[in-house]
N, C-alpha and C. Protein backbone atom coordinates (compact mmCIF):
# COMPACT_ATOMS: atom_id res chain seq x y z
N MET A 1 77.36 -140.33 -71.87
CA MET A 1 77.98 -141.58 -72.32
C MET A 1 79.39 -141.70 -71.74
N ASN A 2 79.86 -142.91 -71.74
CA ASN A 2 81.20 -143.16 -71.22
C ASN A 2 82.17 -143.23 -72.38
N GLN A 3 83.28 -142.53 -72.28
CA GLN A 3 84.21 -142.47 -73.39
C GLN A 3 85.60 -142.85 -72.94
N LYS A 4 86.24 -143.73 -73.73
CA LYS A 4 87.61 -144.11 -73.43
C LYS A 4 88.53 -142.99 -73.84
N LEU A 5 89.32 -142.49 -72.87
CA LEU A 5 90.19 -141.37 -73.15
C LEU A 5 91.51 -141.80 -73.73
N TRP A 6 92.24 -142.63 -72.99
CA TRP A 6 93.54 -143.03 -73.46
C TRP A 6 94.01 -144.22 -72.69
N SER A 7 94.96 -144.92 -73.26
CA SER A 7 95.47 -146.12 -72.62
C SER A 7 96.91 -146.30 -73.01
N ARG A 8 97.62 -147.11 -72.27
CA ARG A 8 98.97 -147.45 -72.66
C ARG A 8 98.92 -148.43 -73.80
N GLY A 9 99.48 -148.09 -74.92
CA GLY A 9 99.43 -148.96 -76.07
C GLY A 9 99.66 -148.14 -77.32
N PRO A 10 99.65 -148.74 -78.51
CA PRO A 10 99.89 -148.04 -79.76
C PRO A 10 98.79 -147.05 -80.06
N GLY A 11 99.10 -146.01 -80.82
CA GLY A 11 98.12 -145.05 -81.28
C GLY A 11 98.08 -143.79 -80.46
N ILE A 12 98.94 -143.63 -79.44
CA ILE A 12 98.92 -142.45 -78.60
C ILE A 12 100.33 -141.88 -78.58
N ASN A 13 100.47 -140.62 -78.91
CA ASN A 13 101.79 -140.00 -78.99
C ASN A 13 101.89 -138.85 -78.00
N GLY A 14 103.00 -138.82 -77.30
CA GLY A 14 103.36 -137.67 -76.48
C GLY A 14 102.41 -137.36 -75.36
N TRP A 15 102.37 -138.19 -74.35
CA TRP A 15 101.48 -137.87 -73.24
C TRP A 15 102.22 -137.90 -71.92
N CYS A 16 101.74 -137.06 -71.02
CA CYS A 16 102.14 -137.19 -69.62
C CYS A 16 100.87 -137.28 -68.84
N CYS A 17 100.85 -137.98 -67.77
CA CYS A 17 99.56 -138.34 -67.20
C CYS A 17 99.46 -137.99 -65.74
N GLY A 18 98.17 -137.80 -65.31
CA GLY A 18 97.86 -137.71 -63.90
C GLY A 18 97.25 -139.01 -63.48
N ILE A 19 97.90 -139.75 -62.62
CA ILE A 19 97.43 -141.10 -62.27
C ILE A 19 97.39 -141.24 -60.77
N ILE A 20 96.34 -141.75 -60.30
CA ILE A 20 96.19 -141.99 -58.87
C ILE A 20 96.28 -143.47 -58.64
N ALA A 21 97.21 -143.90 -57.82
CA ALA A 21 97.37 -145.33 -57.60
C ALA A 21 97.22 -145.60 -56.13
N PHE A 22 96.54 -146.69 -55.80
CA PHE A 22 96.34 -147.07 -54.43
C PHE A 22 97.07 -148.38 -54.17
N ALA A 23 97.58 -148.53 -52.96
CA ALA A 23 98.15 -149.80 -52.54
C ALA A 23 97.48 -150.16 -51.24
N ALA A 24 97.51 -151.46 -50.87
CA ALA A 24 96.87 -151.90 -49.65
C ALA A 24 97.46 -151.14 -48.48
N GLY A 25 96.58 -150.46 -47.78
CA GLY A 25 96.99 -149.73 -46.59
C GLY A 25 97.51 -148.35 -46.88
N GLY A 26 97.55 -147.88 -48.16
CA GLY A 26 98.08 -146.55 -48.39
C GLY A 26 97.64 -146.01 -49.73
N LEU A 27 97.80 -144.72 -49.92
CA LEU A 27 97.41 -144.04 -51.13
C LEU A 27 98.59 -143.26 -51.65
N PHE A 28 98.90 -143.44 -52.94
CA PHE A 28 99.99 -142.71 -53.55
C PHE A 28 99.39 -141.87 -54.67
N LEU A 29 99.65 -140.59 -54.65
CA LEU A 29 99.04 -139.68 -55.61
C LEU A 29 100.09 -138.97 -56.42
N LEU A 30 99.97 -139.09 -57.74
CA LEU A 30 100.83 -138.36 -58.65
C LEU A 30 99.94 -137.51 -59.52
N THR A 31 100.27 -136.25 -59.71
CA THR A 31 99.46 -135.40 -60.56
C THR A 31 100.25 -134.95 -61.73
N GLY A 32 99.55 -134.72 -62.82
CA GLY A 32 100.21 -134.28 -64.03
C GLY A 32 99.18 -133.98 -65.07
N CYS A 33 99.58 -134.12 -66.34
CA CYS A 33 98.64 -133.83 -67.41
C CYS A 33 98.92 -134.73 -68.58
N GLN A 34 98.04 -134.68 -69.53
CA GLN A 34 98.18 -135.50 -70.72
C GLN A 34 97.97 -134.63 -71.94
N THR A 35 98.89 -134.73 -72.89
CA THR A 35 98.74 -134.01 -74.13
C THR A 35 99.01 -134.97 -75.26
N GLY A 36 98.72 -134.58 -76.44
CA GLY A 36 99.04 -135.42 -77.57
C GLY A 36 97.87 -135.57 -78.50
N ASN A 37 98.06 -136.35 -79.53
CA ASN A 37 97.04 -136.53 -80.55
C ASN A 37 96.45 -137.92 -80.45
N PHE A 38 95.11 -137.99 -80.49
CA PHE A 38 94.42 -139.27 -80.49
C PHE A 38 93.85 -139.51 -81.88
N SER A 39 93.72 -140.74 -82.25
CA SER A 39 93.05 -141.03 -83.51
C SER A 39 91.57 -140.73 -83.34
N ALA A 40 90.90 -140.47 -84.47
CA ALA A 40 89.46 -140.21 -84.40
C ALA A 40 88.73 -141.38 -83.80
N LEU A 41 89.23 -142.60 -84.07
CA LEU A 41 88.59 -143.79 -83.52
C LEU A 41 88.67 -143.79 -82.01
N ASP A 42 89.84 -143.46 -81.44
CA ASP A 42 89.98 -143.42 -79.99
C ASP A 42 89.08 -142.37 -79.37
N GLU A 43 88.97 -141.22 -80.03
CA GLU A 43 88.19 -140.13 -79.46
C GLU A 43 86.70 -140.41 -79.52
N GLN A 44 86.26 -141.13 -80.55
CA GLN A 44 84.83 -141.31 -80.74
C GLN A 44 84.30 -142.63 -80.18
N LYS A 45 85.22 -143.55 -79.83
CA LYS A 45 84.80 -144.88 -79.40
C LYS A 45 84.02 -144.80 -78.08
N LEU A 46 82.84 -145.34 -78.06
CA LEU A 46 82.04 -145.37 -76.85
C LEU A 46 82.28 -146.67 -76.13
N ILE A 47 82.34 -146.59 -74.81
CA ILE A 47 82.69 -147.75 -74.01
C ILE A 47 81.44 -148.37 -73.40
N GLN A 48 81.25 -149.63 -73.67
CA GLN A 48 80.21 -150.39 -73.00
C GLN A 48 80.83 -151.06 -71.77
N SER A 49 80.22 -150.89 -70.61
CA SER A 49 80.77 -151.45 -69.39
C SER A 49 80.81 -152.97 -69.49
N ASP A 50 81.96 -153.53 -69.21
CA ASP A 50 82.11 -154.97 -69.28
C ASP A 50 81.40 -155.64 -68.12
N PRO A 51 80.85 -156.84 -68.33
CA PRO A 51 80.23 -157.55 -67.22
C PRO A 51 81.28 -157.99 -66.21
N ILE A 52 80.86 -158.14 -64.97
CA ILE A 52 81.76 -158.53 -63.90
C ILE A 52 82.12 -160.01 -64.03
N VAL A 53 83.39 -160.31 -63.87
CA VAL A 53 83.87 -161.68 -63.88
C VAL A 53 83.90 -162.20 -62.44
N LEU A 54 83.32 -163.35 -62.22
CA LEU A 54 83.22 -163.92 -60.88
C LEU A 54 84.59 -164.37 -60.39
N SER A 55 84.78 -164.31 -59.07
CA SER A 55 86.05 -164.73 -58.49
C SER A 55 85.81 -165.40 -57.14
N GLU A 56 86.86 -165.99 -56.59
CA GLU A 56 86.79 -166.67 -55.30
C GLU A 56 86.19 -165.75 -54.23
N GLY A 57 85.28 -166.29 -53.45
CA GLY A 57 84.66 -165.52 -52.38
C GLY A 57 83.35 -164.87 -52.76
N ASP A 58 83.09 -164.71 -54.06
CA ASP A 58 81.80 -164.16 -54.49
C ASP A 58 80.69 -165.16 -54.20
N SER A 59 79.50 -164.63 -53.96
CA SER A 59 78.33 -165.49 -53.77
C SER A 59 77.35 -165.26 -54.92
N VAL A 60 76.78 -166.35 -55.42
CA VAL A 60 75.81 -166.26 -56.51
C VAL A 60 74.50 -166.93 -56.10
N ARG A 61 73.42 -166.32 -56.58
CA ARG A 61 72.09 -166.90 -56.37
C ARG A 61 71.65 -167.56 -57.67
N ILE A 62 71.34 -168.87 -57.59
CA ILE A 62 70.93 -169.63 -58.77
C ILE A 62 69.48 -170.06 -58.57
N THR A 63 68.63 -169.66 -59.50
CA THR A 63 67.21 -169.98 -59.38
C THR A 63 66.73 -170.73 -60.62
N PHE A 64 65.83 -171.67 -60.36
CA PHE A 64 65.24 -172.51 -61.41
C PHE A 64 63.73 -172.26 -61.41
N PRO A 65 63.22 -171.41 -62.33
CA PRO A 65 61.78 -171.09 -62.33
C PRO A 65 60.88 -172.31 -62.38
N GLY A 66 61.34 -173.38 -63.03
CA GLY A 66 60.50 -174.57 -63.14
C GLY A 66 60.77 -175.63 -62.10
N ALA A 67 61.79 -175.40 -61.24
CA ALA A 67 62.15 -176.38 -60.23
C ALA A 67 62.74 -175.66 -59.02
N PRO A 68 61.89 -174.95 -58.27
CA PRO A 68 62.39 -174.13 -57.16
C PRO A 68 63.11 -174.92 -56.06
N ASN A 69 62.90 -176.22 -56.02
CA ASN A 69 63.61 -177.04 -55.03
C ASN A 69 65.11 -177.08 -55.29
N LEU A 70 65.53 -176.69 -56.49
CA LEU A 70 66.95 -176.67 -56.83
C LEU A 70 67.60 -175.31 -56.56
N ASN A 71 66.80 -174.31 -56.20
CA ASN A 71 67.33 -172.97 -55.96
C ASN A 71 68.44 -173.01 -54.90
N ALA A 72 69.45 -172.20 -55.08
CA ALA A 72 70.57 -172.22 -54.13
C ALA A 72 71.32 -170.90 -54.17
N VAL A 73 71.94 -170.57 -53.02
CA VAL A 73 72.92 -169.49 -52.95
C VAL A 73 74.25 -170.14 -52.60
N GLN A 74 75.24 -169.94 -53.45
CA GLN A 74 76.52 -170.61 -53.27
C GLN A 74 77.67 -169.60 -53.29
N GLN A 75 78.62 -169.81 -52.38
CA GLN A 75 79.83 -169.00 -52.41
C GLN A 75 80.91 -169.75 -53.19
N ILE A 76 81.62 -169.03 -54.03
CA ILE A 76 82.67 -169.64 -54.83
C ILE A 76 83.85 -170.00 -53.94
N LYS A 77 84.23 -171.25 -53.98
CA LYS A 77 85.29 -171.76 -53.09
C LYS A 77 86.67 -171.37 -53.61
N ARG A 78 87.68 -171.70 -52.83
CA ARG A 78 89.05 -171.32 -53.18
C ARG A 78 89.51 -171.96 -54.48
N ASP A 79 88.92 -173.09 -54.83
CA ASP A 79 89.29 -173.74 -56.10
C ASP A 79 88.50 -173.18 -57.29
N GLY A 80 87.67 -172.16 -57.02
CA GLY A 80 86.92 -171.51 -58.10
C GLY A 80 85.61 -172.18 -58.44
N ARG A 81 85.20 -173.15 -57.63
CA ARG A 81 83.99 -173.91 -57.95
C ARG A 81 82.86 -173.66 -56.95
N ILE A 82 81.66 -174.00 -57.37
CA ILE A 82 80.50 -174.05 -56.48
C ILE A 82 79.94 -175.47 -56.52
N SER A 83 79.21 -175.85 -55.47
CA SER A 83 78.64 -177.20 -55.40
C SER A 83 77.12 -177.11 -55.54
N LEU A 84 76.58 -177.85 -56.49
CA LEU A 84 75.16 -177.82 -56.77
C LEU A 84 74.55 -179.21 -56.65
N GLN A 85 73.28 -179.24 -56.27
CA GLN A 85 72.57 -180.51 -56.16
C GLN A 85 72.59 -181.25 -57.50
N LEU A 86 72.70 -182.54 -57.41
CA LEU A 86 72.58 -183.47 -58.54
C LEU A 86 73.77 -183.45 -59.50
N VAL A 87 74.42 -182.30 -59.67
CA VAL A 87 75.49 -182.22 -60.67
C VAL A 87 76.87 -182.05 -60.05
N GLY A 88 76.94 -181.75 -58.75
CA GLY A 88 78.23 -181.64 -58.08
C GLY A 88 78.91 -180.30 -58.31
N ASP A 89 80.25 -180.33 -58.38
CA ASP A 89 81.03 -179.09 -58.49
C ASP A 89 80.99 -178.53 -59.90
N VAL A 90 80.88 -177.20 -59.96
CA VAL A 90 80.81 -176.48 -61.24
C VAL A 90 81.79 -175.32 -61.18
N GLN A 91 82.61 -175.17 -62.21
CA GLN A 91 83.54 -174.04 -62.28
C GLN A 91 82.77 -172.73 -62.42
N ALA A 92 83.09 -171.77 -61.55
CA ALA A 92 82.39 -170.48 -61.59
C ALA A 92 83.35 -169.30 -61.73
N ALA A 93 84.50 -169.37 -61.03
CA ALA A 93 85.47 -168.29 -61.11
C ALA A 93 85.97 -168.14 -62.55
N GLY A 94 86.10 -166.91 -62.98
CA GLY A 94 86.55 -166.65 -64.35
C GLY A 94 85.42 -166.49 -65.34
N LEU A 95 84.19 -166.78 -64.91
CA LEU A 95 83.02 -166.62 -65.77
C LEU A 95 82.22 -165.41 -65.36
N THR A 96 81.45 -164.85 -66.27
CA THR A 96 80.45 -163.86 -65.90
C THR A 96 79.21 -164.60 -65.40
N ALA A 97 78.29 -163.87 -64.78
CA ALA A 97 77.06 -164.49 -64.31
C ALA A 97 76.30 -165.12 -65.49
N LYS A 98 76.31 -164.45 -66.63
CA LYS A 98 75.59 -164.97 -67.79
C LYS A 98 76.24 -166.25 -68.30
N GLN A 99 77.56 -166.30 -68.30
CA GLN A 99 78.26 -167.50 -68.75
C GLN A 99 78.01 -168.66 -67.80
N LEU A 100 78.01 -168.39 -66.49
CA LEU A 100 77.72 -169.44 -65.52
C LEU A 100 76.30 -169.95 -65.69
N GLU A 101 75.40 -169.03 -65.98
CA GLU A 101 74.01 -169.40 -66.24
C GLU A 101 73.92 -170.42 -67.39
N THR A 102 74.66 -170.17 -68.45
CA THR A 102 74.67 -171.07 -69.60
C THR A 102 75.23 -172.44 -69.23
N GLU A 103 76.31 -172.45 -68.45
CA GLU A 103 76.94 -173.71 -68.06
C GLU A 103 76.02 -174.54 -67.15
N VAL A 104 75.37 -173.87 -66.21
CA VAL A 104 74.47 -174.57 -65.29
C VAL A 104 73.28 -175.15 -66.06
N LEU A 105 72.76 -174.38 -67.01
CA LEU A 105 71.62 -174.88 -67.79
C LEU A 105 72.01 -176.12 -68.59
N LYS A 106 73.21 -176.14 -69.14
CA LYS A 106 73.67 -177.32 -69.89
C LYS A 106 73.67 -178.56 -69.00
N LEU A 107 74.12 -178.39 -67.74
CA LEU A 107 74.22 -179.53 -66.84
C LEU A 107 72.85 -180.05 -66.40
N TYR A 108 71.91 -179.12 -66.21
CA TYR A 108 70.60 -179.51 -65.68
C TYR A 108 69.56 -179.74 -66.76
N GLU A 109 69.83 -179.34 -67.98
CA GLU A 109 68.81 -179.33 -69.03
C GLU A 109 68.10 -180.67 -69.19
N PRO A 110 68.80 -181.81 -69.16
CA PRO A 110 68.08 -183.08 -69.34
C PRO A 110 67.05 -183.34 -68.23
N GLN A 111 67.21 -182.70 -67.09
CA GLN A 111 66.33 -182.98 -65.96
C GLN A 111 65.25 -181.91 -65.77
N LEU A 112 65.26 -180.88 -66.59
CA LEU A 112 64.33 -179.76 -66.41
C LEU A 112 63.22 -179.78 -67.45
N GLN A 113 61.99 -179.60 -67.00
CA GLN A 113 60.88 -179.42 -67.91
C GLN A 113 60.86 -177.99 -68.43
N THR A 114 61.13 -177.04 -67.54
CA THR A 114 61.25 -175.63 -67.94
C THR A 114 62.73 -175.33 -68.12
N LYS A 115 63.15 -175.14 -69.35
CA LYS A 115 64.57 -174.99 -69.66
C LYS A 115 65.02 -173.56 -69.37
N GLU A 116 65.10 -173.24 -68.08
CA GLU A 116 65.47 -171.87 -67.71
C GLU A 116 66.21 -171.89 -66.38
N VAL A 117 67.32 -171.16 -66.32
CA VAL A 117 68.10 -170.98 -65.10
C VAL A 117 68.52 -169.51 -65.03
N ASN A 118 68.45 -168.94 -63.86
CA ASN A 118 68.88 -167.55 -63.67
C ASN A 118 70.01 -167.50 -62.64
N VAL A 119 71.06 -166.76 -62.96
CA VAL A 119 72.19 -166.59 -62.04
C VAL A 119 72.38 -165.10 -61.78
N ALA A 120 72.45 -164.73 -60.53
CA ALA A 120 72.67 -163.33 -60.15
C ALA A 120 73.75 -163.27 -59.08
N VAL A 121 74.52 -162.19 -59.09
CA VAL A 121 75.55 -162.00 -58.07
C VAL A 121 74.88 -161.56 -56.77
N GLU A 122 75.04 -162.37 -55.74
CA GLU A 122 74.46 -162.07 -54.43
C GLU A 122 75.36 -161.13 -53.64
N SER A 123 76.65 -161.40 -53.64
CA SER A 123 77.62 -160.53 -52.99
C SER A 123 78.97 -160.77 -53.66
N SER A 124 79.86 -159.80 -53.52
CA SER A 124 81.12 -159.89 -54.24
C SER A 124 82.24 -159.24 -53.43
N ASN A 125 83.45 -159.82 -53.52
CA ASN A 125 84.63 -159.15 -53.00
C ASN A 125 85.02 -158.10 -54.02
N PHE A 126 84.78 -156.84 -53.69
CA PHE A 126 84.78 -155.83 -54.74
C PHE A 126 85.46 -154.53 -54.28
N PRO A 127 86.76 -154.53 -54.06
CA PRO A 127 87.41 -153.29 -53.63
C PRO A 127 87.51 -152.30 -54.79
N VAL A 128 87.07 -151.08 -54.55
CA VAL A 128 87.28 -149.99 -55.51
C VAL A 128 87.77 -148.77 -54.73
N TYR A 129 88.33 -147.80 -55.44
CA TYR A 129 88.94 -146.64 -54.80
C TYR A 129 88.35 -145.37 -55.40
N VAL A 130 88.11 -144.40 -54.55
CA VAL A 130 87.57 -143.12 -55.00
C VAL A 130 88.45 -142.02 -54.45
N THR A 131 88.86 -141.11 -55.30
CA THR A 131 89.71 -140.02 -54.85
C THR A 131 89.39 -138.74 -55.62
N GLY A 132 90.00 -137.65 -55.20
CA GLY A 132 89.74 -136.37 -55.85
C GLY A 132 88.72 -135.57 -55.05
N ALA A 133 87.87 -134.86 -55.76
CA ALA A 133 86.93 -133.92 -55.14
C ALA A 133 85.67 -134.63 -54.65
N VAL A 134 85.85 -135.51 -53.66
CA VAL A 134 84.74 -136.18 -52.97
C VAL A 134 84.89 -135.95 -51.48
N GLN A 135 83.86 -136.27 -50.74
CA GLN A 135 83.87 -135.97 -49.30
C GLN A 135 84.77 -136.91 -48.50
N ARG A 136 84.78 -138.19 -48.86
CA ARG A 136 85.57 -139.16 -48.09
C ARG A 136 86.37 -140.04 -49.06
N PRO A 137 87.46 -139.51 -49.61
CA PRO A 137 88.25 -140.32 -50.55
C PRO A 137 88.86 -141.53 -49.86
N GLY A 138 89.08 -142.59 -50.62
CA GLY A 138 89.73 -143.78 -50.06
C GLY A 138 89.17 -145.05 -50.65
N LYS A 139 89.48 -146.16 -50.00
CA LYS A 139 89.06 -147.48 -50.45
C LYS A 139 87.68 -147.80 -49.90
N ILE A 140 86.82 -148.35 -50.74
CA ILE A 140 85.53 -148.84 -50.28
C ILE A 140 85.40 -150.31 -50.67
N MET A 141 84.63 -151.05 -49.88
CA MET A 141 84.48 -152.49 -50.07
C MET A 141 83.01 -152.86 -50.18
N PRO A 142 82.37 -152.54 -51.30
CA PRO A 142 80.98 -152.93 -51.47
C PRO A 142 80.86 -154.45 -51.57
N ASP A 143 79.69 -154.95 -51.26
CA ASP A 143 79.48 -156.40 -51.32
C ASP A 143 78.74 -156.81 -52.59
N ARG A 144 78.74 -155.93 -53.57
CA ARG A 144 78.04 -156.20 -54.82
C ARG A 144 78.67 -155.35 -55.91
N PRO A 145 78.42 -155.69 -57.18
CA PRO A 145 78.88 -154.83 -58.27
C PRO A 145 78.34 -153.41 -58.12
N MET A 146 79.09 -152.43 -58.58
CA MET A 146 78.78 -151.03 -58.32
C MET A 146 79.10 -150.19 -59.54
N THR A 147 78.33 -149.13 -59.74
CA THR A 147 78.61 -148.18 -60.82
C THR A 147 79.51 -147.07 -60.30
N ALA A 148 80.06 -146.29 -61.25
CA ALA A 148 80.93 -145.18 -60.87
C ALA A 148 80.18 -144.17 -60.00
N LEU A 149 78.94 -143.87 -60.35
CA LEU A 149 78.16 -142.92 -59.56
C LEU A 149 77.90 -143.45 -58.15
N GLU A 150 77.57 -144.72 -58.04
CA GLU A 150 77.34 -145.32 -56.72
C GLU A 150 78.60 -145.27 -55.87
N ALA A 151 79.76 -145.48 -56.48
CA ALA A 151 81.02 -145.41 -55.74
C ALA A 151 81.26 -144.01 -55.20
N VAL A 152 80.97 -143.00 -56.00
CA VAL A 152 81.12 -141.62 -55.53
C VAL A 152 80.18 -141.35 -54.36
N MET A 153 78.95 -141.86 -54.44
CA MET A 153 78.00 -141.66 -53.34
C MET A 153 78.48 -142.38 -52.08
N GLU A 154 79.08 -143.56 -52.23
CA GLU A 154 79.62 -144.28 -51.08
C GLU A 154 80.77 -143.51 -50.43
N ALA A 155 81.45 -142.70 -51.24
CA ALA A 155 82.55 -141.89 -50.73
C ALA A 155 82.06 -140.54 -50.19
N GLY A 156 80.78 -140.44 -49.90
CA GLY A 156 80.22 -139.23 -49.31
C GLY A 156 79.67 -138.25 -50.31
N GLY A 157 79.79 -138.56 -51.59
CA GLY A 157 79.29 -137.66 -52.62
C GLY A 157 80.35 -136.67 -53.07
N PHE A 158 79.99 -135.88 -54.07
CA PHE A 158 80.92 -134.89 -54.61
C PHE A 158 81.18 -133.76 -53.62
N ASP A 159 82.36 -133.19 -53.71
CA ASP A 159 82.62 -131.88 -53.11
C ASP A 159 82.13 -130.87 -54.14
N TYR A 160 80.88 -130.41 -53.97
CA TYR A 160 80.24 -129.64 -55.03
C TYR A 160 80.90 -128.30 -55.27
N ALA A 161 81.69 -127.81 -54.32
CA ALA A 161 82.39 -126.55 -54.52
C ALA A 161 83.56 -126.70 -55.48
N LYS A 162 84.01 -127.94 -55.69
CA LYS A 162 85.22 -128.15 -56.49
C LYS A 162 85.03 -129.14 -57.64
N ALA A 163 84.15 -130.10 -57.49
CA ALA A 163 84.13 -131.26 -58.39
C ALA A 163 83.73 -130.92 -59.82
N ASN A 164 84.47 -131.49 -60.74
CA ASN A 164 84.11 -131.46 -62.16
C ASN A 164 83.36 -132.76 -62.44
N GLN A 165 82.06 -132.72 -62.35
CA GLN A 165 81.24 -133.92 -62.48
C GLN A 165 81.22 -134.46 -63.90
N LYS A 166 81.54 -133.61 -64.87
CA LYS A 166 81.56 -134.05 -66.26
C LYS A 166 82.84 -134.80 -66.62
N GLY A 167 83.89 -134.59 -65.84
CA GLY A 167 85.21 -135.11 -66.22
C GLY A 167 85.72 -136.22 -65.34
N VAL A 168 84.83 -136.97 -64.72
CA VAL A 168 85.25 -138.08 -63.86
C VAL A 168 86.01 -139.12 -64.71
N THR A 169 87.10 -139.62 -64.16
CA THR A 169 87.91 -140.61 -64.86
C THR A 169 87.96 -141.91 -64.07
N VAL A 170 87.72 -143.02 -64.74
CA VAL A 170 87.88 -144.34 -64.15
C VAL A 170 89.19 -144.92 -64.68
N ILE A 171 90.09 -145.27 -63.77
CA ILE A 171 91.39 -145.82 -64.13
C ILE A 171 91.34 -147.32 -63.85
N ARG A 172 91.69 -148.10 -64.86
CA ARG A 172 91.56 -149.56 -64.75
C ARG A 172 92.87 -150.23 -65.17
N HIS A 173 93.42 -151.06 -64.26
CA HIS A 173 94.59 -151.88 -64.56
C HIS A 173 94.11 -153.28 -64.92
N GLU A 174 94.37 -153.70 -66.14
CA GLU A 174 93.86 -154.99 -66.58
C GLU A 174 94.70 -155.53 -67.72
N ASN A 175 95.06 -156.80 -67.61
CA ASN A 175 95.81 -157.48 -68.67
C ASN A 175 97.10 -156.76 -69.02
N GLY A 176 97.79 -156.26 -67.99
CA GLY A 176 99.08 -155.63 -68.20
C GLY A 176 99.04 -154.25 -68.79
N ARG A 177 97.87 -153.61 -68.81
CA ARG A 177 97.76 -152.27 -69.36
C ARG A 177 96.93 -151.40 -68.44
N VAL A 178 97.02 -150.10 -68.64
CA VAL A 178 96.24 -149.14 -67.87
C VAL A 178 95.31 -148.41 -68.83
N ASP A 179 94.02 -148.50 -68.60
CA ASP A 179 93.03 -147.80 -69.43
C ASP A 179 92.38 -146.70 -68.61
N HIS A 180 92.04 -145.61 -69.28
CA HIS A 180 91.37 -144.48 -68.65
C HIS A 180 90.05 -144.22 -69.39
N PHE A 181 88.97 -144.10 -68.64
CA PHE A 181 87.65 -143.89 -69.22
C PHE A 181 87.06 -142.61 -68.64
N LYS A 182 86.62 -141.73 -69.52
CA LYS A 182 85.96 -140.51 -69.06
C LYS A 182 84.47 -140.78 -68.89
N VAL A 183 83.93 -140.39 -67.74
CA VAL A 183 82.53 -140.66 -67.42
C VAL A 183 81.87 -139.35 -67.00
N ASN A 184 80.82 -138.96 -67.70
CA ASN A 184 80.08 -137.75 -67.37
C ASN A 184 78.97 -138.10 -66.40
N LEU A 185 79.20 -137.81 -65.11
CA LEU A 185 78.20 -138.14 -64.09
C LEU A 185 77.21 -137.02 -63.85
N LYS A 186 77.46 -135.86 -64.43
CA LYS A 186 76.54 -134.74 -64.23
C LYS A 186 75.18 -135.02 -64.85
N LYS A 187 75.17 -135.68 -66.01
CA LYS A 187 73.91 -136.01 -66.66
C LYS A 187 73.05 -136.91 -65.78
N ALA A 188 73.70 -137.90 -65.16
CA ALA A 188 72.95 -138.82 -64.29
C ALA A 188 72.36 -138.07 -63.09
N LEU A 189 73.13 -137.13 -62.53
CA LEU A 189 72.64 -136.37 -61.39
C LEU A 189 71.49 -135.45 -61.77
N GLN A 190 71.45 -135.05 -63.03
CA GLN A 190 70.37 -134.19 -63.51
C GLN A 190 69.13 -134.99 -63.93
N GLY A 191 69.22 -136.31 -63.77
CA GLY A 191 68.08 -137.15 -64.10
C GLY A 191 67.96 -137.50 -65.57
N LYS A 192 69.00 -137.20 -66.36
CA LYS A 192 68.97 -137.52 -67.77
C LYS A 192 69.30 -139.00 -67.97
N GLU A 193 68.75 -139.57 -69.02
CA GLU A 193 68.98 -140.99 -69.28
C GLU A 193 70.41 -141.21 -69.74
N THR A 194 71.16 -141.99 -68.99
CA THR A 194 72.55 -142.29 -69.33
C THR A 194 72.80 -143.77 -69.07
N GLU A 195 73.81 -144.30 -69.72
CA GLU A 195 74.20 -145.68 -69.48
C GLU A 195 75.14 -145.75 -68.28
N PRO A 196 74.82 -146.49 -67.23
CA PRO A 196 75.70 -146.57 -66.06
C PRO A 196 77.05 -147.18 -66.45
N PHE A 197 78.10 -146.69 -65.81
CA PHE A 197 79.43 -147.28 -66.03
C PHE A 197 79.70 -148.25 -64.88
N ASN A 198 79.70 -149.55 -65.18
CA ASN A 198 79.92 -150.56 -64.16
C ASN A 198 81.40 -150.70 -63.86
N LEU A 199 81.74 -150.68 -62.59
CA LEU A 199 83.13 -150.79 -62.18
C LEU A 199 83.56 -152.24 -62.10
N LYS A 200 84.87 -152.46 -62.17
CA LYS A 200 85.47 -153.76 -61.93
C LYS A 200 86.31 -153.67 -60.66
N PRO A 201 86.55 -154.81 -59.99
CA PRO A 201 87.38 -154.78 -58.78
C PRO A 201 88.73 -154.13 -59.07
N GLY A 202 89.13 -153.23 -58.15
CA GLY A 202 90.41 -152.55 -58.29
C GLY A 202 90.35 -151.26 -59.07
N ASP A 203 89.19 -150.91 -59.66
CA ASP A 203 89.07 -149.66 -60.39
C ASP A 203 89.30 -148.46 -59.47
N ILE A 204 89.83 -147.40 -60.03
CA ILE A 204 90.03 -146.14 -59.32
C ILE A 204 89.13 -145.09 -59.97
N VAL A 205 88.28 -144.47 -59.17
CA VAL A 205 87.39 -143.40 -59.66
C VAL A 205 87.98 -142.08 -59.21
N TYR A 206 88.39 -141.26 -60.17
CA TYR A 206 89.03 -139.98 -59.86
C TYR A 206 88.10 -138.83 -60.28
N VAL A 207 87.73 -138.00 -59.30
CA VAL A 207 86.90 -136.84 -59.56
C VAL A 207 87.79 -135.60 -59.57
N PRO A 208 88.06 -135.02 -60.73
CA PRO A 208 88.96 -133.86 -60.77
C PRO A 208 88.27 -132.60 -60.28
N GLU A 209 89.07 -131.61 -59.97
CA GLU A 209 88.53 -130.31 -59.62
C GLU A 209 88.27 -129.48 -60.88
N ARG A 210 87.32 -128.58 -60.81
CA ARG A 210 87.05 -127.69 -61.93
C ARG A 210 88.17 -126.69 -62.11
N PHE A 211 88.43 -126.34 -63.34
CA PHE A 211 89.40 -125.30 -63.69
C PHE A 211 90.78 -125.58 -63.09
N ALA A 212 91.17 -126.85 -63.06
CA ALA A 212 92.51 -127.18 -62.55
C ALA A 212 93.52 -126.87 -63.63
N TRP A 213 94.63 -126.25 -63.23
CA TRP A 213 95.70 -125.92 -64.16
C TRP A 213 96.91 -126.77 -63.88
N PHE A 214 97.50 -127.32 -64.91
CA PHE A 214 98.65 -128.20 -64.75
C PHE A 214 99.84 -127.60 -65.49
């Protein structure tokens, strides 16, 4: 399971952190450690991966099971909209695929006999960063949403002589805060049933070394 370790905000006392930050064209690495007391709620809270929010440049596939002539693949324009037959421009940026699906159905519902619309992400501007005990650390640019395990595989896989597969950390900068999520990828590699941790654009996947002393 994926567990939220710690974040900048109330409820965390006395920590120093190891944070890996990337900038366009370069990598800045700071190492350290974190100590302190967490509330039982913070320690036990399980993290459900948030759905991806659409943004400019993403492409979506929209299908109408009852009216295939309306099917379309649209790229989100700079104004955040897509253009669809019969209804014109529709706001897409800032919505999840499921939310866009609901909005499109509202617009087309009076004209549809089969009240169903499906929206899927066809491709996405999706920079993520992988560092630590992997074969090819650095920035990767997948064209679709990606899980933490898939990102590690894109980075050449684990350095199995060093990697702590149980202690992978996803670092996320969002809404003016930094959140850290612990992800146990060893279970997935062993074929055990686990919930994938879906990444967001800009996430940093850090694979620590085993038995590291700080």
